[in-house]
């Protein structure tokens, strides 16, 4: 099964932690909230640290 990164925009506070830890995977939308860069590598080494560092737990890795 493939992995997918899911960001809960309702709980994201746009702090930018994931973007600073893993800029090749996370970027900001127009409101400053996190979103996944199109075509980003879900298995990049920094993804797990970004997920664990999110202060609101808004990022999850799910199986598709």
Protein backbone atom coordinates (compact mmCIF):
# COMPACT_ATOMS: atom_id res chain seq x y z
CA UNK A 1 0.00 0.00 0.00
CA UNK A 2 1.10 3.53 -0.71
CA UNK A 3 1.48 6.15 1.99
CA UNK A 4 -0.17 9.55 1.90
CA UNK A 5 0.33 12.65 4.06
CA UNK A 6 -2.91 14.17 5.34
CA UNK A 7 -3.04 17.62 6.95
CA UNK A 8 -6.06 18.68 9.00
CA UNK A 9 -6.50 22.31 7.95
CA UNK A 10 -9.03 22.88 10.75
CA UNK A 11 -6.43 22.24 13.45
CA UNK A 12 -3.31 23.52 11.66
CA UNK A 13 -2.17 26.79 13.28
CA UNK A 14 0.24 27.78 10.49
CA UNK A 15 3.26 27.71 12.80
CA UNK A 16 5.59 26.55 10.00
CA UNK A 17 7.43 23.86 11.96
CA UNK A 18 6.85 21.19 9.32
CA UNK A 19 7.92 23.56 6.57
CA UNK A 20 11.15 24.45 8.33
CA UNK A 21 11.98 20.81 9.13
CA UNK A 22 10.99 19.38 5.76
CA UNK A 23 10.72 22.09 3.07
CA UNK A 24 10.94 19.57 0.24
CA UNK A 25 7.63 18.05 1.37
CA UNK A 26 5.68 20.84 3.11
CA UNK A 27 4.78 24.34 1.94
CA UNK A 28 2.22 26.98 2.96
CA UNK A 29 -1.09 27.80 1.32
CA UNK A 30 -2.48 31.34 0.98
CA UNK A 31 -3.50 31.34 4.65
CA UNK A 32 -0.09 30.13 5.80
CA UNK A 33 -1.41 26.67 6.65
CA UNK A 34 0.60 23.65 5.66
CA UNK A 35 0.07 21.62 2.54
CA UNK A 36 2.03 18.91 0.80
CA UNK A 37 4.19 19.85 -2.16
CA UNK A 38 2.83 18.17 -5.29
CA UNK A 39 4.89 15.09 -6.12
CA UNK A 40 6.73 15.20 -2.78
CA UNK A 41 8.40 12.04 -1.46
CA UNK A 42 6.25 10.77 1.40
CA UNK A 43 9.16 8.60 2.48
CA UNK A 44 11.63 11.48 2.82
CA UNK A 45 13.63 11.13 6.05
CA UNK A 46 12.36 14.45 7.43
CA UNK A 47 8.65 13.60 7.18
CA UNK A 48 8.47 11.59 10.41
CA UNK A 49 10.18 14.37 12.38
CA UNK A 50 7.74 16.91 10.94
CA UNK A 51 4.76 14.73 11.90
CA UNK A 52 6.09 14.26 15.44
CA UNK A 53 6.94 17.97 15.82
CA UNK A 54 3.54 19.34 14.79
CA UNK A 55 2.25 21.05 17.97
CA UNK A 56 -1.40 20.35 17.10
CA UNK A 57 -0.98 16.84 15.67
CA UNK A 58 -2.48 18.04 12.38
CA UNK A 59 -0.27 15.88 10.16
CA UNK A 60 -0.84 12.17 9.69
CA UNK A 61 0.66 9.53 7.43
CA UNK A 62 -2.03 7.14 6.21
CA UNK A 63 -2.07 4.07 3.99
CA UNK A 64 -4.00 4.49 0.75
